Amino acid sequence: YSSGTNNVFALANLAMLTGQVGRYG
């Protein structure tokens, strides 16, 4: 999409916000 990078930013925001990163699984 012409907003593709922003879409991925949104997913990264969500993962960091909830702590679902930096751990197994």
PDBML (XML) file of the C-alpha atoms, coordinates in Angstrom:
<?xml version="1.0" encoding="UTF-8" ?>
<PDBx:datablock datablockName="MODEL"
   xmlns:PDBx="http://pdbml.pdb.org/schema/pdbx-v50.xsd"
   xmlns:xsi="http://www.w3.org/2001/XMLSchema-instance"
   xsi:schemaLocation="http://pdbml.pdb.org/schema/pdbx-v50.xsd pdbx-v50.xsd">
   <PDBx:atom_siteCategory>
      <PDBx:atom_site id="1">
         <PDBx:B_iso_or_equiv>0.00</PDBx:B_iso_or_equiv>
         <PDBx:Cartn_x>0.000</PDBx:Cartn_x>
         <PDBx:Cartn_y>0.000</PDBx:Cartn_y>
         <PDBx:Cartn_z>0.000</PDBx:Cartn_z>
         <PDBx:auth_asym_id>A</PDBx:auth_asym_id>
         <PDBx:auth_atom_id>CA</PDBx:auth_atom_id>
         <PDBx:auth_comp_id>TYR</PDBx:auth_comp_id>
         <PDBx:auth_seq_id>1</PDBx:auth_seq_id>
         <PDBx:group_PDB>ATOM</PDBx:group_PDB>
         <PDBx:label_alt_id xsi:nil="true" />
         <PDBx:label_asym_id>A</PDBx:label_asym_id>
         <PDBx:label_atom_id>CA</PDBx:label_atom_id>
         <PDBx:label_comp_id>TYR</PDBx:label_comp_id>
         <PDBx:label_entity_id>1</PDBx:label_entity_id>
         <PDBx:label_seq_id>1</PDBx:label_seq_id>
         <PDBx:occupancy>1.00</PDBx:occupancy>
         <PDBx:pdbx_PDB_model_num>1</PDBx:pdbx_PDB_model_num>
         <PDBx:type_symbol>C</PDBx:type_symbol>
      </PDBx:atom_site>
      <PDBx:atom_site id="2">
         <PDBx:B_iso_or_equiv>0.00</PDBx:B_iso_or_equiv>
         <PDBx:Cartn_x>1.118</PDBx:Cartn_x>
         <PDBx:Cartn_y>3.601</PDBx:Cartn_y>
         <PDBx:Cartn_z>-0.296</PDBx:Cartn_z>
         <PDBx:auth_asym_id>A</PDBx:auth_asym_id>
         <PDBx:auth_atom_id>CA</PDBx:auth_atom_id>
         <PDBx:auth_comp_id>SER</PDBx:auth_comp_id>
         <PDBx:auth_seq_id>2</PDBx:auth_seq_id>
         <PDBx:group_PDB>ATOM</PDBx:group_PDB>
         <PDBx:label_alt_id xsi:nil="true" />
         <PDBx:label_asym_id>A</PDBx:label_asym_id>
         <PDBx:label_atom_id>CA</PDBx:label_atom_id>
         <PDBx:label_comp_id>SER</PDBx:label_comp_id>
         <PDBx:label_entity_id>1</PDBx:label_entity_id>
         <PDBx:label_seq_id>2</PDBx:label_seq_id>
         <PDBx:occupancy>1.00</PDBx:occupancy>
         <PDBx:pdbx_PDB_model_num>1</PDBx:pdbx_PDB_model_num>
         <PDBx:type_symbol>C</PDBx:type_symbol>
      </PDBx:atom_site>
      <PDBx:atom_site id="3">
         <PDBx:B_iso_or_equiv>0.00</PDBx:B_iso_or_equiv>
         <PDBx:Cartn_x>0.861</PDBx:Cartn_x>
         <PDBx:Cartn_y>3.503</PDBx:Cartn_y>
         <PDBx:Cartn_z>3.521</PDBx:Cartn_z>
         <PDBx:auth_asym_id>A</PDBx:auth_asym_id>
         <PDBx:auth_atom_id>CA</PDBx:auth_atom_id>
         <PDBx:auth_comp_id>SER</PDBx:auth_comp_id>
         <PDBx:auth_seq_id>3</PDBx:auth_seq_id>
         <PDBx:group_PDB>ATOM</PDBx:group_PDB>
         <PDBx:label_alt_id xsi:nil="true" />
         <PDBx:label_asym_id>A</PDBx:label_asym_id>
         <PDBx:label_atom_id>CA</PDBx:label_atom_id>
         <PDBx:label_comp_id>SER</PDBx:label_comp_id>
         <PDBx:label_entity_id>1</PDBx:label_entity_id>
         <PDBx:label_seq_id>3</PDBx:label_seq_id>
         <PDBx:occupancy>1.00</PDBx:occupancy>
         <PDBx:pdbx_PDB_model_num>1</PDBx:pdbx_PDB_model_num>
         <PDBx:type_symbol>C</PDBx:type_symbol>
      </PDBx:atom_site>
      <PDBx:atom_site id="4">
         <PDBx:B_iso_or_equiv>0.00</PDBx:B_iso_or_equiv>
         <PDBx:Cartn_x>2.747</PDBx:Cartn_x>
         <PDBx:Cartn_y>0.192</PDBx:Cartn_y>
         <PDBx:Cartn_z>3.823</PDBx:Cartn_z>
         <PDBx:auth_asym_id>A</PDBx:auth_asym_id>
         <PDBx:auth_atom_id>CA</PDBx:auth_atom_id>
         <PDBx:auth_comp_id>GLY</PDBx:auth_comp_id>
         <PDBx:auth_seq_id>4</PDBx:auth_seq_id>
         <PDBx:group_PDB>ATOM</PDBx:group_PDB>
         <PDBx:label_alt_id xsi:nil="true" />
         <PDBx:label_asym_id>A</PDBx:label_asym_id>
         <PDBx:label_atom_id>CA</PDBx:label_atom_id>
         <PDBx:label_comp_id>GLY</PDBx:label_comp_id>
         <PDBx:label_entity_id>1</PDBx:label_entity_id>
         <PDBx:label_seq_id>4</PDBx:label_seq_id>
         <PDBx:occupancy>1.00</PDBx:occupancy>
         <PDBx:pdbx_PDB_model_num>1</PDBx:pdbx_PDB_model_num>
         <PDBx:type_symbol>C</PDBx:type_symbol>
      </PDBx:atom_site>
      <PDBx:atom_site id="5">
         <PDBx:B_iso_or_equiv>0.00</PDBx:B_iso_or_equiv>
         <PDBx:Cartn_x>5.570</PDBx:Cartn_x>
         <PDBx:Cartn_y>1.471</PDBx:Cartn_y>
         <PDBx:Cartn_z>6.049</PDBx:Cartn_z>
         <PDBx:auth_asym_id>A</PDBx:auth_asym_id>
         <PDBx:auth_atom_id>CA</PDBx:auth_atom_id>
         <PDBx:auth_comp_id>THR</PDBx:auth_comp_id>
         <PDBx:auth_seq_id>5</PDBx:auth_seq_id>
         <PDBx:group_PDB>ATOM</PDBx:group_PDB>
         <PDBx:label_alt_id xsi:nil="true" />
         <PDBx:label_asym_id>A</PDBx:label_asym_id>
         <PDBx:label_atom_id>CA</PDBx:label_atom_id>
         <PDBx:label_comp_id>THR</PDBx:label_comp_id>
         <PDBx:label_entity_id>1</PDBx:label_entity_id>
         <PDBx:label_seq_id>5</PDBx:label_seq_id>
         <PDBx:occupancy>1.00</PDBx:occupancy>
         <PDBx:pdbx_PDB_model_num>1</PDBx:pdbx_PDB_model_num>
         <PDBx:type_symbol>C</PDBx:type_symbol>
      </PDBx:atom_site>
      <PDBx:atom_site id="6">
         <PDBx:B_iso_or_equiv>0.00</PDBx:B_iso_or_equiv>
         <PDBx:Cartn_x>3.065</PDBx:Cartn_x>
         <PDBx:Cartn_y>3.132</PDBx:Cartn_y>
         <PDBx:Cartn_z>8.388</PDBx:Cartn_z>
         <PDBx:auth_asym_id>A</PDBx:auth_asym_id>
         <PDBx:auth_atom_id>CA</PDBx:auth_atom_id>
         <PDBx:auth_comp_id>ASN</PDBx:auth_comp_id>
         <PDBx:auth_seq_id>6</PDBx:auth_seq_id>
         <PDBx:group_PDB>ATOM</PDBx:group_PDB>
         <PDBx:label_alt_id xsi:nil="true" />
         <PDBx:label_asym_id>A</PDBx:label_asym_id>
         <PDBx:label_atom_id>CA</PDBx:label_atom_id>
         <PDBx:label_comp_id>ASN</PDBx:label_comp_id>
         <PDBx:label_entity_id>1</PDBx:label_entity_id>
         <PDBx:label_seq_id>6</PDBx:label_seq_id>
         <PDBx:occupancy>1.00</PDBx:occupancy>
         <PDBx:pdbx_PDB_model_num>1</PDBx:pdbx_PDB_model_num>
         <PDBx:type_symbol>C</PDBx:type_symbol>
      </PDBx:atom_site>
      <PDBx:atom_site id="7">
         <PDBx:B_iso_or_equiv>0.00</PDBx:B_iso_or_equiv>
         <PDBx:Cartn_x>1.168</PDBx:Cartn_x>
         <PDBx:Cartn_y>-0.158</PDBx:Cartn_y>
         <PDBx:Cartn_z>8.605</PDBx:Cartn_z>
         <PDBx:auth_asym_id>A</PDBx:auth_asym_id>
         <PDBx:auth_atom_id>CA</PDBx:auth_atom_id>
         <PDBx:auth_comp_id>ASN</PDBx:auth_comp_id>
         <PDBx:auth_seq_id>7</PDBx:auth_seq_id>
         <PDBx:group_PDB>ATOM</PDBx:group_PDB>
         <PDBx:label_alt_id xsi:nil="true" />
         <PDBx:label_asym_id>A</PDBx:label_asym_id>
         <PDBx:label_atom_id>CA</PDBx:label_atom_id>
         <PDBx:label_comp_id>ASN</PDBx:label_comp_id>
         <PDBx:label_entity_id>1</PDBx:label_entity_id>
         <PDBx:label_seq_id>7</PDBx:label_seq_id>
         <PDBx:occupancy>1.00</PDBx:occupancy>
         <PDBx:pdbx_PDB_model_num>1</PDBx:pdbx_PDB_model_num>
         <PDBx:type_symbol>C</PDBx:type_symbol>
      </PDBx:atom_site>
      <PDBx:atom_site id="8">
         <PDBx:B_iso_or_equiv>0.00</PDBx:B_iso_or_equiv>
         <PDBx:Cartn_x>4.332</PDBx:Cartn_x>
         <PDBx:Cartn_y>-1.903</PDBx:Cartn_y>
         <PDBx:Cartn_z>9.810</PDBx:Cartn_z>
         <PDBx:auth_asym_id>A</PDBx:auth_asym_id>
         <PDBx:auth_atom_id>CA</PDBx:auth_atom_id>
         <PDBx:auth_comp_id>VAL</PDBx:auth_comp_id>
         <PDBx:auth_seq_id>8</PDBx:auth_seq_id>
         <PDBx:group_PDB>ATOM</PDBx:group_PDB>
         <PDBx:label_alt_id xsi:nil="true" />
         <PDBx:label_asym_id>A</PDBx:label_asym_id>
         <PDBx:label_atom_id>CA</PDBx:label_atom_id>
         <PDBx:label_comp_id>VAL</PDBx:label_comp_id>
         <PDBx:label_entity_id>1</PDBx:label_entity_id>
         <PDBx:label_seq_id>8</PDBx:label_seq_id>
         <PDBx:occupancy>1.00</PDBx:occupancy>
         <PDBx:pdbx_PDB_model_num>1</PDBx:pdbx_PDB_model_num>
         <PDBx:type_symbol>C</PDBx:type_symbol>
      </PDBx:atom_site>
      <PDBx:atom_site id="9">
         <PDBx:B_iso_or_equiv>0.00</PDBx:B_iso_or_equiv>
         <PDBx:Cartn_x>5.076</PDBx:Cartn_x>
         <PDBx:Cartn_y>0.987</PDBx:Cartn_y>
         <PDBx:Cartn_z>12.212</PDBx:Cartn_z>
         <PDBx:auth_asym_id>A</PDBx:auth_asym_id>
         <PDBx:auth_atom_id>CA</PDBx:auth_atom_id>
         <PDBx:auth_comp_id>PHE</PDBx:auth_comp_id>
         <PDBx:auth_seq_id>9</PDBx:auth_seq_id>
         <PDBx:group_PDB>ATOM</PDBx:group_PDB>
         <PDBx:label_alt_id xsi:nil="true" />
         <PDBx:label_asym_id>A</PDBx:label_asym_id>
         <PDBx:label_atom_id>CA</PDBx:label_atom_id>
         <PDBx:label_comp_id>PHE</PDBx:label_comp_id>
         <PDBx:label_entity_id>1</PDBx:label_entity_id>
         <PDBx:label_seq_id>9</PDBx:label_seq_id>
         <PDBx:occupancy>1.00</PDBx:occupancy>
         <PDBx:pdbx_PDB_model_num>1</PDBx:pdbx_PDB_model_num>
         <PDBx:type_symbol>C</PDBx:type_symbol>
      </PDBx:atom_site>
      <PDBx:atom_site id="10">
         <PDBx:B_iso_or_equiv>0.00</PDBx:B_iso_or_equiv>
         <PDBx:Cartn_x>1.611</PDBx:Cartn_x>
         <PDBx:Cartn_y>0.420</PDBx:Cartn_y>
         <PDBx:Cartn_z>13.705</PDBx:Cartn_z>
         <PDBx:auth_asym_id>A</PDBx:auth_asym_id>
         <PDBx:auth_atom_id>CA</PDBx:auth_atom_id>
         <PDBx:auth_comp_id>ALA</PDBx:auth_comp_id>
         <PDBx:auth_seq_id>10</PDBx:auth_seq_id>
         <PDBx:group_PDB>ATOM</PDBx:group_PDB>
         <PDBx:label_alt_id xsi:nil="true" />
         <PDBx:label_asym_id>A</PDBx:label_asym_id>
         <PDBx:label_atom_id>CA</PDBx:label_atom_id>
         <PDBx:label_comp_id>ALA</PDBx:label_comp_id>
         <PDBx:label_entity_id>1</PDBx:label_entity_id>
         <PDBx:label_seq_id>10</PDBx:label_seq_id>
         <PDBx:occupancy>1.00</PDBx:occupancy>
         <PDBx:pdbx_PDB_model_num>1</PDBx:pdbx_PDB_model_num>
         <PDBx:type_symbol>C</PDBx:type_symbol>
      </PDBx:atom_site>
      <PDBx:atom_site id="11">
         <PDBx:B_iso_or_equiv>0.00</PDBx:B_iso_or_equiv>
         <PDBx:Cartn_x>2.360</PDBx:Cartn_x>
         <PDBx:Cartn_y>-3.272</PDBx:Cartn_y>
         <PDBx:Cartn_z>14.305</PDBx:Cartn_z>
         <PDBx:auth_asym_id>A</PDBx:auth_asym_id>
         <PDBx:auth_atom_id>CA</PDBx:auth_atom_id>
         <PDBx:auth_comp_id>LEU</PDBx:auth_comp_id>
         <PDBx:auth_seq_id>11</PDBx:auth_seq_id>
         <PDBx:group_PDB>ATOM</PDBx:group_PDB>
         <PDBx:label_alt_id xsi:nil="true" />
         <PDBx:label_asym_id>A</PDBx:label_asym_id>
         <PDBx:label_atom_id>CA</PDBx:label_atom_id>
         <PDBx:label_comp_id>LEU</PDBx:label_comp_id>
         <PDBx:label_entity_id>1</PDBx:label_entity_id>
         <PDBx:label_seq_id>11</PDBx:label_seq_id>
         <PDBx:occupancy>1.00</PDBx:occupancy>
         <PDBx:pdbx_PDB_model_num>1</PDBx:pdbx_PDB_model_num>
         <PDBx:type_symbol>C</PDBx:type_symbol>
      </PDBx:atom_site>
      <PDBx:atom_site id="12">
         <PDBx:B_iso_or_equiv>0.00</PDBx:B_iso_or_equiv>
         <PDBx:Cartn_x>5.731</PDBx:Cartn_x>
         <PDBx:Cartn_y>-2.457</PDBx:Cartn_y>
         <PDBx:Cartn_z>15.867</PDBx:Cartn_z>
         <PDBx:auth_asym_id>A</PDBx:auth_asym_id>
         <PDBx:auth_atom_id>CA</PDBx:auth_atom_id>
         <PDBx:auth_comp_id>ALA</PDBx:auth_comp_id>
         <PDBx:auth_seq_id>12</PDBx:auth_seq_id>
         <PDBx:group_PDB>ATOM</PDBx:group_PDB>
         <PDBx:label_alt_id xsi:nil="true" />
         <PDBx:label_asym_id>A</PDBx:label_asym_id>
         <PDBx:label_atom_id>CA</PDBx:label_atom_id>
         <PDBx:label_comp_id>ALA</PDBx:label_comp_id>
         <PDBx:label_entity_id>1</PDBx:label_entity_id>
         <PDBx:label_seq_id>12</PDBx:label_seq_id>
         <PDBx:occupancy>1.00</PDBx:occupancy>
         <PDBx:pdbx_PDB_model_num>1</PDBx:pdbx_PDB_model_num>
         <PDBx:type_symbol>C</PDBx:type_symbol>
      </PDBx:atom_site>
      <PDBx:atom_site id="13">
         <PDBx:B_iso_or_equiv>0.00</PDBx:B_iso_or_equiv>
         <PDBx:Cartn_x>4.031</PDBx:Cartn_x>
         <PDBx:Cartn_y>0.126</PDBx:Cartn_y>
         <PDBx:Cartn_z>18.116</PDBx:Cartn_z>
         <PDBx:auth_asym_id>A</PDBx:auth_asym_id>
         <PDBx:auth_atom_id>CA</PDBx:auth_atom_id>
         <PDBx:auth_comp_id>ASN</PDBx:auth_comp_id>
         <PDBx:auth_seq_id>13</PDBx:auth_seq_id>
         <PDBx:group_PDB>ATOM</PDBx:group_PDB>
         <PDBx:label_alt_id xsi:nil="true" />
         <PDBx:label_asym_id>A</PDBx:label_asym_id>
         <PDBx:label_atom_id>CA</PDBx:label_atom_id>
         <PDBx:label_comp_id>ASN</PDBx:label_comp_id>
         <PDBx:label_entity_id>1</PDBx:label_entity_id>
         <PDBx:label_seq_id>13</PDBx:label_seq_id>
         <PDBx:occupancy>1.00</PDBx:occupancy>
         <PDBx:pdbx_PDB_model_num>1</PDBx:pdbx_PDB_model_num>
         <PDBx:type_symbol>C</PDBx:type_symbol>
      </PDBx:atom_site>
      <PDBx:atom_site id="14">
         <PDBx:B_iso_or_equiv>0.00</PDBx:B_iso_or_equiv>
         <PDBx:Cartn_x>1.531</PDBx:Cartn_x>
         <PDBx:Cartn_y>-2.481</PDBx:Cartn_y>
         <PDBx:Cartn_z>19.257</PDBx:Cartn_z>
         <PDBx:auth_asym_id>A</PDBx:auth_asym_id>
         <PDBx:auth_atom_id>CA</PDBx:auth_atom_id>
         <PDBx:auth_comp_id>LEU</PDBx:auth_comp_id>
         <PDBx:auth_seq_id>14</PDBx:auth_seq_id>
         <PDBx:group_PDB>ATOM</PDBx:group_PDB>
         <PDBx:label_alt_id xsi:nil="true" />
         <PDBx:label_asym_id>A</PDBx:label_asym_id>
         <PDBx:label_atom_id>CA</PDBx:label_atom_id>
         <PDBx:label_comp_id>LEU</PDBx:label_comp_id>
         <PDBx:label_entity_id>1</PDBx:label_entity_id>
         <PDBx:label_seq_id>14</PDBx:label_seq_id>
         <PDBx:occupancy>1.00</PDBx:occupancy>
         <PDBx:pdbx_PDB_model_num>1</PDBx:pdbx_PDB_model_num>
         <PDBx:type_symbol>C</PDBx:type_symbol>
      </PDBx:atom_site>
      <PDBx:atom_site id="15">
         <PDBx:B_iso_or_equiv>0.00</PDBx:B_iso_or_equiv>
         <PDBx:Cartn_x>4.184</PDBx:Cartn_x>
         <PDBx:Cartn_y>-5.118</PDBx:Cartn_y>
         <PDBx:Cartn_z>19.988</PDBx:Cartn_z>
         <PDBx:auth_asym_id>A</PDBx:auth_asym_id>
         <PDBx:auth_atom_id>CA</PDBx:auth_atom_id>
         <PDBx:auth_comp_id>ALA</PDBx:auth_comp_id>
         <PDBx:auth_seq_id>15</PDBx:auth_seq_id>
         <PDBx:group_PDB>ATOM</PDBx:group_PDB>
         <PDBx:label_alt_id xsi:nil="true" />
         <PDBx:label_asym_id>A</PDBx:label_asym_id>
         <PDBx:label_atom_id>CA</PDBx:label_atom_id>
         <PDBx:label_comp_id>ALA</PDBx:label_comp_id>
         <PDBx:label_entity_id>1</PDBx:label_entity_id>
         <PDBx:label_seq_id>15</PDBx:label_seq_id>
         <PDBx:occupancy>1.00</PDBx:occupancy>
         <PDBx:pdbx_PDB_model_num>1</PDBx:pdbx_PDB_model_num>
         <PDBx:type_symbol>C</PDBx:type_symbol>
      </PDBx:atom_site>
      <PDBx:atom_site id="16">
         <PDBx:B_iso_or_equiv>0.00</PDBx:B_iso_or_equiv>
         <PDBx:Cartn_x>6.321</PDBx:Cartn_x>
         <PDBx:Cartn_y>-2.681</PDBx:Cartn_y>
         <PDBx:Cartn_z>22.019</PDBx:Cartn_z>
         <PDBx:auth_asym_id>A</PDBx:auth_asym_id>
         <PDBx:auth_atom_id>CA</PDBx:auth_atom_id>
         <PDBx:auth_comp_id>MET</PDBx:auth_comp_id>
         <PDBx:auth_seq_id>16</PDBx:auth_seq_id>
         <PDBx:group_PDB>ATOM</PDBx:group_PDB>
         <PDBx:label_alt_id xsi:nil="true" />
         <PDBx:label_asym_id>A</PDBx:label_asym_id>
         <PDBx:label_atom_id>CA</PDBx:label_atom_id>
         <PDBx:label_comp_id>MET</PDBx:label_comp_id>
         <PDBx:label_entity_id>1</PDBx:label_entity_id>
         <PDBx:label_seq_id>16</PDBx:label_seq_id>
         <PDBx:occupancy>1.00</PDBx:occupancy>
         <PDBx:pdbx_PDB_model_num>1</PDBx:pdbx_PDB_model_num>
         <PDBx:type_symbol>C</PDBx:type_symbol>
      </PDBx:atom_site>
      <PDBx:atom_site id="17">
         <PDBx:B_iso_or_equiv>0.00</PDBx:B_iso_or_equiv>
         <PDBx:Cartn_x>3.318</PDBx:Cartn_x>
         <PDBx:Cartn_y>-1.202</PDBx:Cartn_y>
         <PDBx:Cartn_z>23.832</PDBx:Cartn_z>
         <PDBx:auth_asym_id>A</PDBx:auth_asym_id>
         <PDBx:auth_atom_id>CA</PDBx:auth_atom_id>
         <PDBx:auth_comp_id>LEU</PDBx:auth_comp_id>
         <PDBx:auth_seq_id>17</PDBx:auth_seq_id>
         <PDBx:group_PDB>ATOM</PDBx:group_PDB>
         <PDBx:label_alt_id xsi:nil="true" />
         <PDBx:label_asym_id>A</PDBx:label_asym_id>
         <PDBx:label_atom_id>CA</PDBx:label_atom_id>
         <PDBx:label_comp_id>LEU</PDBx:label_comp_id>
         <PDBx:label_entity_id>1</PDBx:label_entity_id>
         <PDBx:label_seq_id>17</PDBx:label_seq_id>
         <PDBx:occupancy>1.00</PDBx:occupancy>
         <PDBx:pdbx_PDB_model_num>1</PDBx:pdbx_PDB_model_num>
         <PDBx:type_symbol>C</PDBx:type_symbol>
      </PDBx:atom_site>
      <PDBx:atom_site id="18">
         <PDBx:B_iso_or_equiv>0.00</PDBx:B_iso_or_equiv>
         <PDBx:Cartn_x>2.206</PDBx:Cartn_x>
         <PDBx:Cartn_y>-4.637</PDBx:Cartn_y>
         <PDBx:Cartn_z>25.048</PDBx:Cartn_z>
         <PDBx:auth_asym_id>A</PDBx:auth_asym_id>
         <PDBx:auth_atom_id>CA</PDBx:auth_atom_id>
         <PDBx:auth_comp_id>THR</PDBx:auth_comp_id>
         <PDBx:auth_seq_id>18</PDBx:auth_seq_id>
         <PDBx:group_PDB>ATOM</PDBx:group_PDB>
         <PDBx:label_alt_id xsi:nil="true" />
         <PDBx:label_asym_id>A</PDBx:label_asym_id>
         <PDBx:label_atom_id>CA</PDBx:label_atom_id>
         <PDBx:label_comp_id>THR</PDBx:label_comp_id>
         <PDBx:label_entity_id>1</PDBx:label_entity_id>
         <PDBx:label_seq_id>18</PDBx:label_seq_id>
         <PDBx:occupancy>1.00</PDBx:occupancy>
         <PDBx:pdbx_PDB_model_num>1</PDBx:pdbx_PDB_model_num>
         <PDBx:type_symbol>C</PDBx:type_symbol>
      </PDBx:atom_site>
      <PDBx:atom_site id="19">
         <PDBx:B_iso_or_equiv>0.00</PDBx:B_iso_or_equiv>
         <PDBx:Cartn_x>5.673</PDBx:Cartn_x>
         <PDBx:Cartn_y>-6.118</PDBx:Cartn_y>
         <PDBx:Cartn_z>25.673</PDBx:Cartn_z>
         <PDBx:auth_asym_id>A</PDBx:auth_asym_id>
         <PDBx:auth_atom_id>CA</PDBx:auth_atom_id>
         <PDBx:auth_comp_id>GLY</PDBx:auth_comp_id>
         <PDBx:auth_seq_id>19</PDBx:auth_seq_id>
         <PDBx:group_PDB>ATOM</PDBx:group_PDB>
         <PDBx:label_alt_id xsi:nil="true" />
         <PDBx:label_asym_id>A</PDBx:label_asym_id>
         <PDBx:label_atom_id>CA</PDBx:label_atom_id>
         <PDBx:label_comp_id>GLY</PDBx:label_comp_id>
         <PDBx:label_entity_id>1</PDBx:label_entity_id>
         <PDBx:label_seq_id>19</PDBx:label_seq_id>
         <PDBx:occupancy>1.00</PDBx:occupancy>
         <PDBx:pdbx_PDB_model_num>1</PDBx:pdbx_PDB_model_num>
         <PDBx:type_symbol>C</PDBx:type_symbol>
      </PDBx:atom_site>
      <PDBx:atom_site id="20">
         <PDBx:B_iso_or_equiv>0.00</PDBx:B_iso_or_equiv>
         <PDBx:Cartn_x>5.174</PDBx:Cartn_x>
         <PDBx:Cartn_y>-8.794</PDBx:Cartn_y>
         <PDBx:Cartn_z>23.020</PDBx:Cartn_z>
         <PDBx:auth_asym_id>A</PDBx:auth_asym_id>
         <PDBx:auth_atom_id>CA</PDBx:auth_atom_id>
         <PDBx:auth_comp_id>GLN</PDBx:auth_comp_id>
         <PDBx:auth_seq_id>20</PDBx:auth_seq_id>
         <PDBx:group_PDB>ATOM</PDBx:group_PDB>
         <PDBx:label_alt_id xsi:nil="true" />
         <PDBx:label_asym_id>A</PDBx:label_asym_id>
         <PDBx:label_atom_id>CA</PDBx:label_atom_id>
         <PDBx:label_comp_id>GLN</PDBx:label_comp_id>
         <PDBx:label_entity_id>1</PDBx:label_entity_id>
         <PDBx:label_seq_id>20</PDBx:label_seq_id>
         <PDBx:occupancy>1.00</PDBx:occupancy>
         <PDBx:pdbx_PDB_model_num>1</PDBx:pdbx_PDB_model_num>
         <PDBx:type_symbol>C</PDBx:type_symbol>
      </PDBx:atom_site>
      <PDBx:atom_site id="21">
         <PDBx:B_iso_or_equiv>0.00</PDBx:B_iso_or_equiv>
         <PDBx:Cartn_x>8.765</PDBx:Cartn_x>
         <PDBx:Cartn_y>-8.515</PDBx:Cartn_y>
         <PDBx:Cartn_z>21.788</PDBx:Cartn_z>
         <PDBx:auth_asym_id>A</PDBx:auth_asym_id>
         <PDBx:auth_atom_id>CA</PDBx:auth_atom_id>
         <PDBx:auth_comp_id>VAL</PDBx:auth_comp_id>
         <PDBx:auth_seq_id>21</PDBx:auth_seq_id>
         <PDBx:group_PDB>ATOM</PDBx:group_PDB>
         <PDBx:label_alt_id xsi:nil="true" />
         <PDBx:label_asym_id>A</PDBx:label_asym_id>
         <PDBx:label_atom_id>CA</PDBx:label_atom_id>
         <PDBx:label_comp_id>VAL</PDBx:label_comp_id>
         <PDBx:label_entity_id>1</PDBx:label_entity_id>
         <PDBx:label_seq_id>21</PDBx:label_seq_id>
         <PDBx:occupancy>1.00</PDBx:occupancy>
         <PDBx:pdbx_PDB_model_num>1</PDBx:pdbx_PDB_model_num>
         <PDBx:type_symbol>C</PDBx:type_symbol>
      </PDBx:atom_site>
      <PDBx:atom_site id="22">
         <PDBx:B_iso_or_equiv>0.00</PDBx:B_iso_or_equiv>
         <PDBx:Cartn_x>12.206</PDBx:Cartn_x>
         <PDBx:Cartn_y>-9.618</PDBx:Cartn_y>
         <PDBx:Cartn_z>22.997</PDBx:Cartn_z>
         <PDBx:auth_asym_id>A</PDBx:auth_asym_id>
         <PDBx:auth_atom_id>CA</PDBx:auth_atom_id>
         <PDBx:auth_comp_id>GLY</PDBx:auth_comp_id>
         <PDBx:auth_seq_id>22</PDBx:auth_seq_id>
         <PDBx:group_PDB>ATOM</PDBx:group_PDB>
         <PDBx:label_alt_id xsi:nil="true" />
         <PDBx:label_asym_id>A</PDBx:label_asym_id>
         <PDBx:label_atom_id>CA</PDBx:label_atom_id>
         <PDBx:label_comp_id>GLY</PDBx:label_comp_id>
         <PDBx:label_entity_id>1</PDBx:label_entity_id>
         <PDBx:label_seq_id>22</PDBx:label_seq_id>
         <PDBx:occupancy>1.00</PDBx:occupancy>
         <PDBx:pdbx_PDB_model_num>1</PDBx:pdbx_PDB_model_num>
         <PDBx:type_symbol>C</PDBx:type_symbol>
      </PDBx:atom_site>
      <PDBx:atom_site id="23">
         <PDBx:B_iso_or_equiv>0.00</PDBx:B_iso_or_equiv>
         <PDBx:Cartn_x>10.991</PDBx:Cartn_x>
         <PDBx:Cartn_y>-12.947</PDBx:Cartn_y>
         <PDBx:Cartn_z>24.370</PDBx:Cartn_z>
         <PDBx:auth_asym_id>A</PDBx:auth_asym_id>
         <PDBx:auth_atom_id>CA</PDBx:auth_atom_id>
         <PDBx:auth_comp_id>ARG</PDBx:auth_comp_id>
         <PDBx:auth_seq_id>23</PDBx:auth_seq_id>
         <PDBx:group_PDB>ATOM</PDBx:group_PDB>
         <PDBx:label_alt_id xsi:nil="true" />
         <PDBx:label_asym_id>A</PDBx:label_asym_id>
         <PDBx:label_atom_id>CA</PDBx:label_atom_id>
         <PDBx:label_comp_id>ARG</PDBx:label_comp_id>
         <PDBx:label_entity_id>1</PDBx:label_entity_id>
         <PDBx:label_seq_id>23</PDBx:label_seq_id>
         <PDBx:occupancy>1.00</PDBx:occupancy>
         <PDBx:pdbx_PDB_model_num>1</PDBx:pdbx_PDB_model_num>
         <PDBx:type_symbol>C</PDBx:type_symbol>
      </PDBx:atom_site>
      <PDBx:atom_site id="24">
         <PDBx:B_iso_or_equiv>0.00</PDBx:B_iso_or_equiv>
         <PDBx:Cartn_x>10.683</PDBx:Cartn_x>
         <PDBx:Cartn_y>-16.450</PDBx:Cartn_y>
         <PDBx:Cartn_z>22.921</PDBx:Cartn_z>
         <PDBx:auth_asym_id>A</PDBx:auth_asym_id>
         <PDBx:auth_atom_id>CA</PDBx:auth_atom_id>
         <PDBx:auth_comp_id>TYR</PDBx:auth_comp_id>
         <PDBx:auth_seq_id>24</PDBx:auth_seq_id>
         <PDBx:group_PDB>ATOM</PDBx:group_PDB>
         <PDBx:label_alt_id xsi:nil="true" />
         <PDBx:label_asym_id>A</PDBx:label_asym_id>
         <PDBx:label_atom_id>CA</PDBx:label_atom_id>
         <PDBx:label_comp_id>TYR</PDBx:label_comp_id>
         <PDBx:label_entity_id>1</PDBx:label_entity_id>
         <PDBx:label_seq_id>24</PDBx:label_seq_id>
         <PDBx:occupancy>1.00</PDBx:occupancy>
         <PDBx:pdbx_PDB_model_num>1</PDBx:pdbx_PDB_model_num>
         <PDBx:type_symbol>C</PDBx:type_symbol>
      </PDBx:atom_site>
      <PDBx:atom_site id="25">
         <PDBx:B_iso_or_equiv>0.00</PDBx:B_iso_or_equiv>
         <PDBx:Cartn_x>7.400</PDBx:Cartn_x>
         <PDBx:Cartn_y>-16.817</PDBx:Cartn_y>
         <PDBx:Cartn_z>21.023</PDBx:Cartn_z>
         <PDBx:auth_asym_id>A</PDBx:auth_asym_id>
         <PDBx:auth_atom_id>CA</PDBx:auth_atom_id>
         <PDBx:auth_comp_id>GLY</PDBx:auth_comp_id>
         <PDBx:auth_seq_id>25</PDBx:auth_seq_id>
         <PDBx:group_PDB>ATOM</PDBx:group_PDB>
         <PDBx:label_alt_id xsi:nil="true" />
         <PDBx:label_asym_id>A</PDBx:label_asym_id>
         <PDBx:label_atom_id>CA</PDBx:label_atom_id>
         <PDBx:label_comp_id>GLY</PDBx:label_comp_id>
         <PDBx:label_entity_id>1</PDBx:label_entity_id>
         <PDBx:label_seq_id>25</PDBx:label_seq_id>
         <PDBx:occupancy>1.00</PDBx:occupancy>
         <PDBx:pdbx_PDB_model_num>1</PDBx:pdbx_PDB_model_num>
         <PDBx:type_symbol>C</PDBx:type_symbol>
      </PDBx:atom_site>
   </PDBx:atom_siteCategory>
</PDBx:datablock>
